[in-house]
Amino acid sequence: MTQFDLTEEQSAIQEMAQRFTADRITPHAAEWDETHHFPRDVVRAAAELGFGAIYVSEESGGIGLGRLEAALIMEAMAYGCPSTSAFISIHNMASWMIDRFGSADLKARYLPAMVTGETLGSYCLTEPGSGSDAAALKTKAVRDGDHYVVSGSKAFISGGGVNELYVTMVRTGEDGPKGISCLVIEKDMPGVSFGANEKKLGWRSQPTAQVNFNSVRVPVANLVGAKGEGFRIAMSGLDGGRLNIGACSLGGAQRCLDEAIAYTRERRQFGQRIADFQATQFTLADMETELQAARTLLYAAAAKVTAGAPDRTKFAAMAKRLATDTGSAVVDRALQLHGGYGYLRDYPIERFFRDLRVHRILEGTNEIMRVIIARELLRQ
């Protein structure tokens, strides 16, 4: 065994996630996409395996794994449906933030049901007027006795209108990152409302909607961490989220590479299999090489995030940028190898083409990933 091999435990986790995907996700993913169906029962079944609290501590009821194990699980599930896998990733990010930074009371009230998937959580940072410039968020929380009164809106929220909990970044103080705090807001609190389900290019198996707060009274006890720590908490959550989204791109791209290999072996043109053309072989070789390179970087970044390495944020940004760009490029070439058939819904390639496109935008755009990487380089 070398440092680049998975351990026996990691391989077992990967195989369990692959079996779950083959049984519960892959056979149904096309229908979920076609009908915009949110498979809550499947998400709950994944949580029963521990996949709803992958890096929540065992003391809080989670399975206490590292970020590499989480990436293996997300990659495996994205082989069947990147949209569903990414949704589970976001729930994991919300549950981890409560476990890592929340009070004992907050953890006791919310984590047991989040671990089992009975309660699902959303991560609320982006606003209609602040996307990449997240520190400019406007959603306001004003202290009133034992409550914060929250007003504002969050945009592009996965699980919006469906999930029970919203881990929300709010402004409790001055402009900029130091004035941001983090609150857990419940769906049923008076004043919480939701926009219409967004009509999206991809990610159709999960609901996405705007979340609105109209003078919502949230107990001060629902503060995650201390007042003013919200931006730091949000960014800590994004390190792991970026790895998971990169892993979702790897899983989706691997599926499309496998589909392309099978198709080119069967499809014949000019009297021979198109897999026998050297141009096809070179394309497949490049797809495999680039996918493995991105996977190796992502696994290395996951190990750094788990270890709390000083350069973990830079590596998470590099891995997210490379994995999501590579994933899109691999799927695009897989579609090209399928020719006109790749453009049809009869084949899975076009669904992955649509699902993976958003990965280069969310959890921080790939342009912002470059900003993070360059900033860290120039700081040295």
Foldseek 3Di string as FASTA:
>chain_A
DDPLDDDPVLVVLLVVLLVLLVPPFQVCPLVCFVVLAAPLVSLLVCLVVQLLADCQDVVLVGPNDFLLSNLSNLLSNLLRPLLNSLQSLQQNLVLNLCRVFADPVSSVVPRVCSSSSVAGEKEFQAAPVDALNSLQDAFAWEDDPQWTFTFGKGFFIWCFPNGFWYFYWHAHDDRGQQRIWTFIDTCPFPQKDWDDFDDALASSNITTIMIGGDRGIGGPSRTGHDGRCHVVSSLLSLLSSLLSLLSSLLSNLVSLLVVLVVQQCPDDDPHHRNCPDVVNVVLSVVLVVLSVVLVSLSSVLRVCSRVVPPCNSLSSLVSSLSSLVSSLVSLVVSLVSVPPVSCDSVDCSSNSNRHSPCSCPPSRHNVVSVVVNVVVVVVD
